[in-house]
């Protein structure tokens, strides 16, 4: 019986060390809370309004809709209606929005 305990304890300790190393690596590899990180669910050519908000760092949906209307990005060559009946915009629209924001900031 004592031999079984002897073999179990070192296994638990070595497993805990491995787990600790994995956790430390995860903490080091993960970005800090104040780092800006844009994660899209799937790398695609089309972006929803919420994705555009995250990418362009715009806080409200009203602002992004206003910019889309102002820049006349409501045309069919810039957007289409996806299966969720939500308008999604292509990378050309994203580039136009990005350039417009840079121009206004300058």
Protein backbone atom coordinates (compact mmCIF):
# COMPACT_ATOMS: atom_id res chain seq x y z
CA UNK A 1 0.00 0.00 0.00
CA UNK A 2 2.76 2.42 0.85
CA UNK A 3 4.46 1.68 -2.49
CA UNK A 4 1.33 2.79 -4.35
CA UNK A 5 1.28 6.10 -2.50
CA UNK A 6 4.92 6.61 -3.30
CA UNK A 7 4.25 6.32 -7.04
CA UNK A 8 1.10 8.47 -7.01
CA UNK A 9 2.57 11.50 -5.28
CA UNK A 10 5.45 12.12 -7.71
CA UNK A 11 3.03 11.80 -10.64
CA UNK A 12 0.75 14.44 -9.17
CA UNK A 13 3.62 16.80 -8.55
CA UNK A 14 5.03 16.43 -12.05
CA UNK A 15 1.57 16.96 -13.55
CA UNK A 16 1.14 20.11 -11.46
CA UNK A 17 4.48 21.43 -12.71
CA UNK A 18 3.44 20.80 -16.31
CA UNK A 19 0.13 22.54 -15.69
CA UNK A 20 1.91 25.47 -14.06
CA UNK A 21 4.27 25.76 -17.05
CA UNK A 22 1.30 25.74 -19.45
CA UNK A 23 -0.49 28.43 -17.45
CA UNK A 24 2.63 30.59 -17.29
CA UNK A 25 3.15 30.22 -21.04
CA UNK A 26 -0.49 31.15 -21.65
CA UNK A 27 -0.19 34.26 -19.48
CA UNK A 28 3.00 35.34 -21.25
CA UNK A 29 1.60 34.66 -24.73
CA UNK A 30 -1.80 36.25 -24.18
CA UNK A 31 -2.11 40.01 -24.82
CA UNK A 32 -2.50 42.46 -21.99
CA UNK A 33 -5.91 43.93 -21.23
CA UNK A 34 -5.04 47.32 -22.67
CA UNK A 35 -3.56 45.94 -25.92
CA UNK A 36 -5.66 46.54 -28.98
CA UNK A 37 -6.48 43.25 -30.59
CA UNK A 38 -8.94 42.69 -33.40
CA UNK A 39 -10.24 39.17 -33.62
CA UNK A 40 -12.67 38.25 -36.33
CA UNK A 41 -14.53 34.99 -36.13
CA UNK A 42 -13.58 33.93 -39.65
CA UNK A 43 -11.10 35.60 -41.93
CA UNK A 44 -13.39 36.69 -44.73
CA UNK A 45 -13.77 39.25 -47.47
CA UNK A 46 -16.99 40.62 -45.99
CA UNK A 47 -17.49 42.47 -42.71
CA UNK A 48 -20.63 43.17 -40.72
CA UNK A 49 -21.31 46.57 -39.18
CA UNK A 50 -20.06 45.31 -35.81
CA UNK A 51 -16.83 44.05 -37.40
CA UNK A 52 -16.34 47.45 -39.04
CA UNK A 53 -16.89 49.11 -35.66
CA UNK A 54 -14.17 46.95 -34.08
CA UNK A 55 -11.69 47.39 -36.93
CA UNK A 56 -12.14 51.15 -37.24
CA UNK A 57 -12.48 51.71 -33.49
CA UNK A 58 -15.87 53.42 -33.78
CA UNK A 59 -18.01 53.28 -30.68
CA UNK A 60 -21.60 53.36 -31.96
CA UNK A 61 -23.59 51.78 -34.76
CA UNK A 62 -25.12 55.17 -35.57
CA UNK A 63 -21.70 56.60 -36.40
CA UNK A 64 -20.79 53.79 -38.76
CA UNK A 65 -24.20 53.92 -40.46
CA UNK A 66 -23.82 57.69 -40.88
CA UNK A 67 -20.39 57.24 -42.49
CA UNK A 68 -21.72 54.50 -44.79
CA UNK A 69 -24.55 56.76 -45.90
CA UNK A 70 -22.28 59.81 -46.28
CA UNK A 71 -19.72 57.93 -48.37
CA UNK A 72 -22.46 56.27 -50.45
CA UNK A 73 -21.35 52.75 -49.62
CA UNK A 74 -24.93 51.46 -49.80
CA UNK A 75 -24.40 50.40 -53.41
CA UNK A 76 -24.43 46.76 -54.46
CA UNK A 77 -20.76 46.73 -55.41
CA UNK A 78 -19.81 47.48 -51.77
CA UNK A 79 -22.28 45.32 -49.85
CA UNK A 80 -24.63 42.37 -50.02
CA UNK A 81 -27.31 40.77 -47.86
CA UNK A 82 -26.06 37.60 -46.19
CA UNK A 83 -28.08 34.58 -45.07
CA UNK A 84 -28.84 36.22 -41.70
CA UNK A 85 -30.49 39.12 -43.57
CA UNK A 86 -27.72 41.42 -42.41
CA UNK A 87 -25.79 43.76 -44.68
CA UNK A 88 -22.12 42.92 -44.91
CA UNK A 89 -19.52 45.09 -46.61
CA UNK A 90 -16.50 44.08 -48.67
CA UNK A 91 -12.87 45.06 -48.19
CA UNK A 92 -13.18 47.98 -50.64
CA UNK A 93 -15.78 49.58 -48.37
CA UNK A 94 -13.52 48.98 -45.38
CA UNK A 95 -10.60 50.65 -47.18
CA UNK A 96 -12.74 53.66 -48.14
CA UNK A 97 -13.95 54.08 -44.55
CA UNK A 98 -10.42 53.74 -43.23
CA UNK A 99 -9.01 56.30 -45.67
CA UNK A 100 -11.84 58.73 -44.92
CA UNK A 101 -11.18 58.51 -41.17
CA UNK A 102 -7.45 59.06 -41.71
CA UNK A 103 -8.20 62.04 -43.95
CA UNK A 104 -10.53 63.59 -41.36
CA UNK A 105 -8.01 63.02 -38.57
CA UNK A 106 -5.22 64.72 -40.52
